[in-house]
């Protein structure tokens, strides 16, 4: 390979890497399961209890600012029925986000849901158990596959957190 061809090849390679990095930094992206396993704590402190997380029902999102948003269901078996009714998961935020219509600062939050007829409401609590948000969800019948918890990044870059078929929008702030 001639010297000029090598320079051209290196220049094109660097340009491709720069384009890929720029494209990746514009929107939110789901992070690999391997990285999720590294970051997901085995338990979370919530309302005076250390509650186990569920690795199989967890998702990790990298927001456009490079910060992480981790969501996981929790295992409340063995806890009181009132505790089980109130909490179903946790959100661990490295940065401020907007979920539904509510702004949340960086930190740890619990989530729970309540079905009323065909509607499902998502509740967000601080780690002390105080409700900080009550958010209506939207049912998505065409969602495939349906998982107990998942984060979906659409082609247009919008992000939704789903508990089963019911979801809310998520956006970095």
Protein backbone atom coordinates (compact mmCIF):
# COMPACT_ATOMS: atom_id res chain seq x y z
CA UNK A 1 0.00 0.00 0.00
CA UNK A 2 1.43 3.37 -1.01
CA UNK A 3 1.98 6.13 1.51
CA UNK A 4 -0.83 8.30 0.06
CA UNK A 5 -3.25 5.36 0.16
CA UNK A 6 -2.37 4.76 3.82
CA UNK A 7 -3.02 8.40 4.66
CA UNK A 8 -6.34 8.29 2.82
CA UNK A 9 -7.30 5.03 4.58
CA UNK A 10 -6.37 6.45 8.03
CA UNK A 11 -8.25 9.68 7.32
CA UNK A 12 -11.38 7.78 6.29
CA UNK A 13 -11.10 5.53 9.33
CA UNK A 14 -10.81 8.52 11.68
CA UNK A 15 -13.73 10.21 9.95
CA UNK A 16 -15.88 7.07 10.36
CA UNK A 17 -15.02 6.87 14.06
CA UNK A 18 -15.86 10.56 14.55
CA UNK A 19 -19.21 10.17 12.77
CA UNK A 20 -20.05 7.10 14.86
CA UNK A 21 -19.19 8.92 18.09
CA UNK A 22 -21.25 11.95 17.09
CA UNK A 23 -24.23 9.79 16.13
CA UNK A 24 -24.02 7.91 19.42
CA UNK A 25 -23.87 11.09 21.49
CA UNK A 26 -27.06 12.59 20.03
CA UNK A 27 -29.60 10.27 21.59
CA UNK A 28 -30.20 7.89 24.43
CA UNK A 29 -28.97 4.32 24.04
CA UNK A 30 -29.57 1.09 25.87
CA UNK A 31 -26.45 -0.20 27.59
CA UNK A 32 -25.27 -3.80 27.31
CA UNK A 33 -26.46 -6.49 29.69
CA UNK A 34 -22.85 -7.02 30.76
CA UNK A 35 -22.53 -3.40 31.90
CA UNK A 36 -25.95 -3.61 33.57
CA UNK A 37 -24.79 -6.64 35.57
CA UNK A 38 -21.73 -4.67 36.72
CA UNK A 39 -23.77 -1.69 37.92
CA UNK A 40 -27.00 -3.20 39.26
CA UNK A 41 -26.79 -3.46 43.05
CA UNK A 42 -27.94 -6.74 44.58
CA UNK A 43 -30.13 -4.81 47.02
CA UNK A 44 -31.42 -1.27 47.36
CA UNK A 45 -32.22 0.61 50.55
CA UNK A 46 -35.86 1.62 50.37
CA UNK A 47 -38.14 2.87 53.11
CA UNK A 48 -36.01 1.30 55.86
CA UNK A 49 -35.47 -2.04 54.12
CA UNK A 50 -32.74 -3.61 51.97
CA UNK A 51 -34.76 -5.04 49.09
CA UNK A 52 -33.28 -7.37 46.43
CA UNK A 53 -33.28 -6.16 42.82
CA UNK A 54 -34.22 -8.40 39.88
CA UNK A 55 -31.46 -8.61 37.30
CA UNK A 56 -33.77 -10.34 34.82
CA UNK A 57 -36.17 -7.39 35.05
CA UNK A 58 -33.75 -4.47 34.86
CA UNK A 59 -32.61 -2.07 32.15
CA UNK A 60 -29.83 0.49 31.82
CA UNK A 61 -30.02 3.57 29.62
CA UNK A 62 -27.28 6.04 28.75
CA UNK A 63 -28.78 9.49 28.25
CA UNK A 64 -27.49 11.99 25.66
CA UNK A 65 -25.40 13.74 28.35
CA UNK A 66 -23.55 10.46 29.02
CA UNK A 67 -25.19 9.89 32.42
CA UNK A 68 -26.99 6.66 33.31
CA UNK A 69 -30.59 5.79 34.17
CA UNK A 70 -31.10 2.36 35.76
CA UNK A 71 -34.52 0.83 36.33
CA UNK A 72 -35.18 -2.49 38.05
CA UNK A 73 -38.04 -4.40 39.54
CA UNK A 74 -37.52 -5.49 43.15
CA UNK A 75 -38.30 -8.74 44.93
CA UNK A 76 -40.79 -7.96 47.69
CA UNK A 77 -41.71 -11.56 48.51
CA UNK A 78 -41.52 -11.96 52.27
CA UNK A 79 -42.50 -8.32 52.87
CA UNK A 80 -45.88 -7.16 54.14
CA UNK A 81 -48.75 -7.00 51.66
CA UNK A 82 -48.89 -3.21 52.13
CA UNK A 83 -45.20 -2.97 51.19
CA UNK A 84 -45.76 -5.22 48.15
CA UNK A 85 -48.72 -3.12 47.01
CA UNK A 86 -46.76 0.11 47.30
CA UNK A 87 -43.43 -0.83 45.70
CA UNK A 88 -42.60 -2.79 42.58
CA UNK A 89 -39.29 -1.31 41.43
CA UNK A 90 -36.55 1.28 41.71
CA UNK A 91 -35.08 4.02 39.56
CA UNK A 92 -31.42 4.95 40.05
CA UNK A 93 -30.59 8.24 38.35
CA UNK A 94 -27.12 9.63 37.76
CA UNK A 95 -28.65 12.85 36.45
CA UNK A 96 -31.92 14.74 36.48
CA UNK A 97 -34.66 13.37 34.21
CA UNK A 98 -38.24 14.03 33.29
CA UNK A 99 -40.49 11.00 33.63
CA UNK A 100 -44.01 11.54 32.35
CA UNK A 101 -44.70 15.13 33.42
CA UNK A 102 -42.53 15.06 36.56
CA UNK A 103 -38.97 16.34 36.92
CA UNK A 104 -36.78 14.16 39.14
CA UNK A 105 -33.32 15.07 40.39
CA UNK A 106 -30.42 12.62 40.42
CA UNK A 107 -30.90 10.01 43.13
CA UNK A 108 -32.77 6.83 44.05
CA UNK A 109 -36.53 6.46 43.77
CA UNK A 110 -39.03 3.66 44.26
CA UNK A 111 -41.87 3.03 41.85
CA UNK A 112 -45.20 1.31 42.22
CA UNK A 113 -48.27 0.96 40.08
CA UNK A 114 -51.97 0.68 40.63
CA UNK A 115 -54.55 -0.49 38.12
CA UNK A 116 -57.94 1.20 38.06
CA UNK A 117 -60.12 -0.38 35.38
CA UNK A 118 -58.18 -0.15 32.12
CA UNK A 119 -55.91 2.61 33.42
CA UNK A 120 -52.63 2.17 35.27
CA UNK A 121 -51.05 4.90 37.38
CA UNK A 122 -47.32 4.92 38.10
CA UNK A 123 -46.32 6.22 41.53
CA UNK A 124 -42.83 7.50 42.30
CA UNK A 125 -41.53 7.66 45.88
CA UNK A 126 -38.34 8.99 47.44
CA UNK A 127 -36.27 6.45 49.39
CA UNK A 128 -38.04 7.51 52.58
CA UNK A 129 -41.37 6.32 51.15
CA UNK A 130 -42.91 9.74 50.46
CA UNK A 131 -44.83 10.01 47.17
CA UNK A 132 -43.22 12.53 44.82
CA UNK A 133 -45.22 11.82 41.64
CA UNK A 134 -48.40 10.22 40.37
CA UNK A 135 -48.21 9.63 36.62
CA UNK A 136 -50.77 8.31 34.19
CA UNK A 137 -49.43 5.66 31.82
CA UNK A 138 -50.31 4.81 28.26
CA UNK A 139 -51.13 1.27 27.19
CA UNK A 140 -49.19 -0.02 24.20
CA UNK A 141 -50.95 -3.03 22.69
CA UNK A 142 -48.42 -3.42 19.85
CA UNK A 143 -45.43 -3.71 22.21
CA UNK A 144 -43.38 -6.84 21.42
CA UNK A 145 -42.03 -8.52 23.39
CA UNK A 146 -43.91 -7.63 26.56
CA UNK A 147 -41.65 -7.82 29.61
CA UNK A 148 -42.36 -6.98 33.25
CA UNK A 149 -39.96 -4.00 32.92
CA UNK A 150 -38.24 -2.60 29.86
CA UNK A 151 -36.92 0.61 28.40
CA UNK A 152 -37.60 1.21 24.72
CA UNK A 153 -35.72 3.74 22.59
CA UNK A 154 -37.79 4.54 19.48
CA UNK A 155 -36.31 5.34 16.07
CA UNK A 156 -37.14 9.02 16.63
CA UNK A 157 -35.00 8.98 19.79
CA UNK A 158 -37.89 9.11 22.27
CA UNK A 159 -37.61 6.89 25.33
CA UNK A 160 -40.33 5.08 27.27
CA UNK A 161 -40.19 3.07 30.47
CA UNK A 162 -42.66 0.17 30.38
CA UNK A 163 -44.07 -1.92 33.18
CA UNK A 164 -45.75 -4.64 31.19
CA UNK A 165 -47.76 -2.87 28.44
CA UNK A 166 -48.02 0.42 30.34
CA UNK A 167 -45.42 3.10 29.73
CA UNK A 168 -44.34 6.65 30.47
CA UNK A 169 -41.93 8.89 28.60
CA UNK A 170 -38.41 9.47 29.94
CA UNK A 171 -36.13 12.32 28.93
CA UNK A 172 -32.86 13.71 30.25
CA UNK A 173 -32.82 17.28 31.53
